[in-house]
Amino acid sequence: MSETEQQPPAMGGMFLTMFLMLYIIINPGLRVTMGEVAETLLEPRIGFDGAYPAVTILLAGMVMIGGTTVIRHLLVDWQQMAEVQLKMQAYNKALSAARKEGQQARVQKLMKMQPEVLMLQSGMMSNQMRPMVFTMLIAIPIIMWLYEFTAGLPVQALSLPWEPHWELQERLWILPHWIVIYSVMALPFGQILLRGLKLASALPQLRFGQLEAEHE
């Protein structure tokens, strides 16, 4: 890590993101309206008139996870995140080694670099929070619609591999059972999609590197 002075990251966007998130969370009328919009768009297509609730929950989860994953992939600078993580690991490793070896002069020198490390951490946090408003605009409407959809089902239970009679509205700790079903079925799809998007983004760079190597 260089010891040159770094410009602090712009934090206005992060505070605006937090404010908008808080506004959505504390405004029930807005959440209900968002759920009604999702109902209009999704129920005619994947509601199946309540006949296949597990399929509906799966498809709704895939829509939500797919949309939010693509947005995060496009808006987050993954290369910058990787570089910051490597710098922070190198700094922590160097500081730990200097302390173990009793190199007080080096420890003091590294401690003087802490403001730079904090700015790197703040920049990485701002980078991660950048897409959150957009992802919430997808996630909250779908969750609100699923809440109303599952509450209106004529049969309030599903037969699942781990439980033959799984009540949808009962809670596991604080989470309704239908949220648990959504998580089990949809979240692995998000991880696979994200890895696929990262790989697809890296392929042009790998090919360019291979061409350069061939020309050399």
Protein backbone atom coordinates (compact mmCIF):
# COMPACT_ATOMS: atom_id res chain seq x y z
CA MET A 1 0.00 0.00 0.00
CA SER A 2 1.27 3.42 -0.85
CA GLU A 3 1.54 6.10 1.79
CA THR A 4 0.40 8.85 -0.58
CA GLU A 5 -2.56 10.94 0.50
CA GLN A 6 -5.88 9.52 -0.65
CA GLN A 7 -9.03 11.47 -1.42
CA PRO A 8 -11.91 10.46 0.86
CA PRO A 9 -14.78 8.71 -0.94
CA ALA A 10 -17.95 10.63 -1.65
CA MET A 11 -20.40 9.66 1.09
CA GLY A 12 -23.41 11.65 -0.06
CA GLY A 13 -24.67 8.82 -2.23
CA MET A 14 -24.42 6.35 0.63
CA PHE A 15 -26.37 8.62 3.01
CA LEU A 16 -29.03 9.20 0.33
CA THR A 17 -29.30 5.43 -0.14
CA MET A 18 -29.73 4.90 3.61
CA PHE A 19 -32.36 7.65 3.78
CA LEU A 20 -34.39 6.19 0.92
CA MET A 21 -34.18 2.71 2.42
CA LEU A 22 -35.38 4.03 5.79
CA TYR A 23 -38.21 5.95 4.13
CA ILE A 24 -39.45 2.80 2.36
CA ILE A 25 -39.19 0.72 5.54
CA ILE A 26 -41.17 3.14 7.75
CA ASN A 27 -43.84 3.95 5.14
CA PRO A 28 -46.42 1.12 5.14
CA GLY A 29 -48.61 2.81 2.53
CA LEU A 30 -45.73 2.93 0.09
CA ARG A 31 -44.92 -0.74 0.70
CA VAL A 32 -48.56 -1.74 0.10
CA THR A 33 -48.62 0.23 -3.16
CA MET A 34 -45.40 -1.44 -4.27
CA GLY A 35 -46.91 -4.84 -3.47
CA GLU A 36 -50.00 -4.01 -5.54
CA VAL A 37 -47.80 -3.12 -8.50
CA ALA A 38 -45.99 -6.46 -8.18
CA GLU A 39 -49.35 -8.25 -7.92
CA THR A 40 -50.52 -6.66 -11.16
CA LEU A 41 -47.37 -7.73 -12.96
CA LEU A 42 -46.72 -11.16 -11.47
CA GLU A 43 -49.95 -12.79 -10.31
CA PRO A 44 -51.44 -13.25 -13.81
CA ARG A 45 -48.18 -14.84 -14.95
CA ILE A 46 -46.93 -16.95 -12.05
CA GLY A 47 -49.82 -17.00 -9.57
CA PHE A 48 -51.53 -20.03 -11.16
CA ASP A 49 -54.68 -19.08 -9.17
CA GLY A 50 -53.00 -20.44 -6.04
CA ALA A 51 -52.89 -24.00 -7.41
CA TYR A 52 -49.10 -24.37 -7.24
CA PRO A 53 -47.87 -22.17 -4.37
CA ALA A 54 -44.41 -23.76 -4.19
CA VAL A 55 -43.85 -23.06 -7.89
CA THR A 56 -45.13 -19.50 -7.47
CA ILE A 57 -42.78 -18.86 -4.54
CA LEU A 58 -39.86 -20.35 -6.49
CA LEU A 59 -40.54 -18.29 -9.62
CA ALA A 60 -41.12 -15.09 -7.63
CA GLY A 61 -37.86 -15.71 -5.79
CA MET A 62 -36.01 -16.29 -9.07
CA VAL A 63 -37.41 -13.05 -10.50
CA MET A 64 -36.39 -11.12 -7.41
CA ILE A 65 -32.97 -12.72 -6.99
CA GLY A 66 -32.30 -12.51 -10.72
CA GLY A 67 -33.17 -8.83 -10.92
CA THR A 68 -31.27 -7.79 -7.81
CA THR A 69 -28.23 -9.90 -8.76
CA VAL A 70 -27.98 -8.35 -12.23
CA ILE A 71 -28.30 -4.84 -10.76
CA ARG A 72 -25.60 -5.53 -8.17
CA HIS A 73 -23.32 -6.98 -10.82
CA LEU A 74 -23.71 -3.91 -13.04
CA LEU A 75 -23.38 -1.27 -10.32
CA VAL A 76 -20.74 -2.75 -8.00
CA ASP A 77 -17.10 -2.35 -9.03
CA TRP A 78 -15.95 -5.89 -8.23
CA GLN A 79 -12.40 -5.22 -9.38
CA GLN A 80 -12.11 -2.30 -6.98
CA MET A 81 -13.52 -4.43 -4.17
CA ALA A 82 -10.97 -7.17 -4.85
CA GLU A 83 -8.12 -4.66 -4.91
CA VAL A 84 -9.24 -3.06 -1.63
CA GLN A 85 -9.57 -6.46 0.06
CA LEU A 86 -6.05 -7.42 -1.06
CA LYS A 87 -4.62 -4.13 0.23
CA MET A 88 -6.38 -4.52 3.58
CA GLN A 89 -5.17 -8.13 3.90
CA ALA A 90 -1.61 -7.03 3.12
CA TYR A 91 -1.84 -4.22 5.67
CA ASN A 92 -3.24 -6.44 8.43
CA LYS A 93 -0.64 -9.10 7.69
CA ALA A 94 2.21 -6.58 7.79
CA LEU A 95 0.92 -5.02 11.02
CA SER A 96 0.51 -8.41 12.70
CA ALA A 97 4.01 -9.51 11.65
CA ALA A 98 5.58 -6.26 12.86
CA ARG A 99 3.91 -6.62 16.26
CA LYS A 100 4.98 -10.26 16.63
CA GLU A 101 8.58 -9.41 15.74
CA GLY A 102 8.65 -6.39 18.05
CA GLN A 103 9.41 -3.92 15.26
CA GLN A 104 8.04 -0.86 17.00
CA ALA A 105 9.24 1.59 14.37
CA ARG A 106 7.44 -0.36 11.64
CA VAL A 107 4.32 -0.69 13.81
CA GLN A 108 4.20 3.08 14.28
CA LYS A 109 4.75 3.62 10.56
CA LEU A 110 1.88 1.25 9.74
CA MET A 111 -0.39 2.79 12.36
CA LYS A 112 0.07 6.17 10.67
CA MET A 113 -1.45 4.59 7.56
CA GLN A 114 -4.72 3.78 9.36
CA PRO A 115 -6.56 6.86 7.99
CA GLU A 116 -5.80 5.60 4.48
CA VAL A 117 -7.08 2.13 5.40
CA LEU A 118 -10.27 3.62 6.84
CA MET A 119 -10.83 5.58 3.62
CA LEU A 120 -10.40 2.37 1.63
CA GLN A 121 -12.97 0.65 3.85
CA SER A 122 -15.40 3.56 3.48
CA GLY A 123 -14.98 3.50 -0.28
CA MET A 124 -15.66 -0.23 -0.38
CA MET A 125 -18.77 0.19 1.79
CA SER A 126 -20.05 2.98 -0.46
CA ASN A 127 -19.41 0.77 -3.49
CA GLN A 128 -21.42 -2.08 -1.94
CA MET A 129 -24.35 0.15 -0.94
CA ARG A 130 -24.65 1.84 -4.35
CA PRO A 131 -27.18 -0.65 -5.81
CA MET A 132 -29.26 -1.14 -2.64
CA VAL A 133 -32.02 1.35 -3.49
CA PHE A 134 -32.55 -0.25 -6.89
CA THR A 135 -32.54 -3.76 -5.44
CA MET A 136 -35.06 -2.74 -2.78
CA LEU A 137 -37.35 -1.39 -5.49
CA ILE A 138 -37.45 -4.94 -6.84
CA ALA A 139 -37.32 -6.94 -3.61
CA ILE A 140 -39.89 -5.12 -1.46
CA PRO A 141 -42.78 -5.21 -3.99
CA ILE A 142 -42.31 -8.93 -4.58
CA ILE A 143 -42.07 -9.72 -0.86
CA MET A 144 -45.19 -7.66 -0.14
CA TRP A 145 -47.07 -9.46 -2.91
CA LEU A 146 -45.92 -12.89 -1.67
CA TYR A 147 -47.07 -11.93 1.83
CA GLU A 148 -50.60 -11.24 0.56
CA PHE A 149 -50.52 -14.16 -1.87
CA THR A 150 -49.61 -16.76 0.76
CA ALA A 151 -52.08 -15.29 3.27
CA GLY A 152 -54.90 -15.75 0.74
CA LEU A 153 -54.17 -19.36 -0.19
CA PRO A 154 -57.03 -21.78 0.55
CA VAL A 155 -54.54 -24.36 1.86
CA GLN A 156 -52.07 -22.89 4.32
CA ALA A 157 -49.56 -25.74 4.32
CA LEU A 158 -47.12 -27.45 1.97
CA SER A 159 -45.57 -30.90 1.96
CA LEU A 160 -41.80 -30.47 1.85
CA PRO A 161 -38.84 -32.89 2.03
CA TRP A 162 -38.06 -31.90 5.62
CA GLU A 163 -41.67 -31.58 6.83
CA PRO A 164 -44.84 -33.25 5.46
CA HIS A 165 -47.06 -30.44 6.81
CA TRP A 166 -45.27 -27.08 6.70
CA GLU A 167 -47.54 -24.23 7.81
CA LEU A 168 -46.84 -21.18 5.63
CA GLN A 169 -47.77 -18.50 8.19
CA GLU A 170 -46.05 -20.01 11.21
CA ARG A 171 -42.66 -18.57 12.08
CA LEU A 172 -39.18 -19.96 12.37
CA TRP A 173 -37.75 -17.50 14.90
CA ILE A 174 -38.96 -14.23 13.31
CA LEU A 175 -39.28 -15.44 9.70
CA PRO A 176 -42.57 -16.77 8.29
CA HIS A 177 -42.24 -20.26 6.88
CA TRP A 178 -42.91 -19.08 3.32
CA ILE A 179 -39.82 -16.83 3.54
CA VAL A 180 -37.79 -19.90 4.57
CA ILE A 181 -39.13 -21.78 1.53
CA TYR A 182 -38.25 -18.85 -0.71
CA SER A 183 -34.73 -18.69 0.72
CA VAL A 184 -34.05 -22.40 0.35
CA MET A 185 -35.26 -22.48 -3.24
CA ALA A 186 -34.20 -19.10 -4.66
CA LEU A 187 -30.95 -18.04 -2.96
CA PRO A 188 -28.80 -20.81 -4.53
CA PHE A 189 -30.01 -19.58 -7.93
CA GLY A 190 -28.70 -16.10 -7.06
CA GLN A 191 -25.26 -17.43 -6.16
CA ILE A 192 -25.04 -19.42 -9.39
CA LEU A 193 -26.19 -16.43 -11.43
CA LEU A 194 -23.70 -14.07 -9.78
CA ARG A 195 -20.80 -16.45 -10.40
CA GLY A 196 -21.91 -16.84 -14.00
CA LEU A 197 -22.05 -13.05 -14.51
CA LYS A 198 -18.60 -12.59 -12.99
CA LEU A 199 -17.21 -15.32 -15.22
CA ALA A 200 -18.85 -13.79 -18.30
CA SER A 201 -17.35 -10.40 -17.41
CA ALA A 202 -13.91 -11.89 -16.92
CA LEU A 203 -13.84 -13.83 -20.20
CA PRO A 204 -13.10 -10.83 -22.49
CA GLN A 205 -10.16 -9.84 -20.25
CA LEU A 206 -8.85 -13.41 -20.24
CA ARG A 207 -9.10 -13.61 -24.01
CA PHE A 208 -7.35 -10.25 -24.40
CA GLY A 209 -4.57 -11.46 -22.11
CA GLN A 210 -4.21 -14.65 -24.13
CA LEU A 211 -3.97 -12.66 -27.39
CA GLU A 212 -1.29 -10.42 -25.90
CA ALA A 213 0.66 -13.46 -24.75
CA GLU A 214 0.43 -15.03 -28.22
CA HIS A 215 1.70 -11.87 -29.91
CA GLU A 216 4.62 -11.69 -27.50
